[in-house]
C-alpha cells in the first residue's frame, strides 16, 4: 500500500518506480514484481462502545488556566 503525496500522479507512475537494479544494471520496477491497482481506503481510528459496534469518539484539550 502506498499513501502519500509526491510526484506520482497515476498508476503508471507508480509502476515505473525502480526498486533495485540487477547485477547487470537492469532496473527492477514495481510492475515487475506485482500488480498495481487502486484499492479501498483503509479504515483507521475505529472506536467500539462496550462491544456493541462502532461509536464516535473525540478528545478535548484545554490549556491550564483557560476558561473556555
Protein backbone atom coordinates (compact mmCIF):
# COMPACT_ATOMS: atom_id res chain seq x y z
CA UNK A 1 0.00 0.00 0.00
CA UNK A 2 1.24 3.45 -0.87
CA UNK A 3 -0.24 6.54 0.70
CA UNK A 4 1.23 9.99 0.48
CA UNK A 5 1.99 12.99 -1.65
CA UNK A 6 4.66 13.19 -4.28
CA UNK A 7 5.41 13.16 -7.97
CA UNK A 8 3.40 10.00 -8.72
CA UNK A 9 0.16 11.12 -10.36
CA UNK A 10 -1.07 7.84 -11.87
CA UNK A 11 -0.83 4.07 -11.55
CA UNK A 12 1.65 4.11 -14.43
CA UNK A 13 3.92 6.46 -12.47
CA UNK A 14 3.91 4.02 -9.54
CA UNK A 15 4.57 1.05 -11.84
CA UNK A 16 7.70 2.80 -13.13
CA UNK A 17 9.34 3.25 -9.71
CA UNK A 18 12.66 1.39 -9.61
CA UNK A 19 13.12 -0.88 -6.60
CA UNK A 20 16.64 -2.15 -7.32
CA UNK A 21 18.99 -2.82 -10.22
CA UNK A 22 20.10 -6.32 -11.14
CA UNK A 23 23.80 -7.25 -11.29
CA UNK A 24 23.96 -6.29 -14.96
CA UNK A 25 22.26 -2.90 -14.27
CA UNK A 26 18.76 -3.79 -15.44
CA UNK A 27 16.21 -1.87 -13.34
CA UNK A 28 13.63 -3.94 -11.45
CA UNK A 29 10.44 -1.89 -11.27
CA UNK A 30 7.33 -2.27 -9.15
CA UNK A 31 5.42 -3.52 -12.20
CA UNK A 32 7.96 -6.37 -12.48
CA UNK A 33 7.17 -7.76 -9.02
CA UNK A 34 3.45 -7.09 -8.64
CA UNK A 35 0.23 -5.67 -9.98
CA UNK A 36 -0.54 -2.01 -9.29
CA UNK A 37 -4.25 -1.24 -8.77
CA UNK A 38 -6.44 1.24 -6.95
CA UNK A 39 -7.91 -0.21 -3.76
CA UNK A 40 -10.24 0.88 -0.99
CA UNK A 41 -9.14 3.33 1.67
CA UNK A 42 -8.07 1.62 4.89
CA UNK A 43 -10.22 2.31 7.95
CA UNK A 44 -8.27 3.87 10.76
CA UNK A 45 -9.20 5.07 14.22
CA UNK A 46 -12.21 2.80 14.75
CA UNK A 47 -13.82 3.08 18.18
CA UNK A 48 -16.12 0.49 19.78
CA UNK A 49 -18.57 1.06 22.66
CA UNK A 50 -18.88 -1.93 25.02
CA UNK A 51 -18.75 -4.40 22.15
CA UNK A 52 -21.98 -3.05 20.62
CA UNK A 53 -20.44 -1.63 17.48
CA UNK A 54 -18.87 1.48 16.07
CA UNK A 55 -19.02 4.69 18.07
CA UNK A 56 -17.80 8.24 17.64
CA UNK A 57 -15.05 9.35 19.98
CA UNK A 58 -13.07 12.52 20.48
CA UNK A 59 -10.55 14.24 22.72
CA UNK A 60 -10.94 17.72 24.14
CA UNK A 61 -7.76 19.52 25.14
CA UNK A 62 -7.80 22.69 27.20
CA UNK A 63 -4.79 24.66 28.38
CA UNK A 64 -4.32 25.10 32.09
CA UNK A 65 -5.93 28.35 33.25
CA UNK A 66 -8.22 28.66 30.20
CA UNK A 67 -11.91 29.18 30.91
CA UNK A 68 -13.37 28.19 27.56
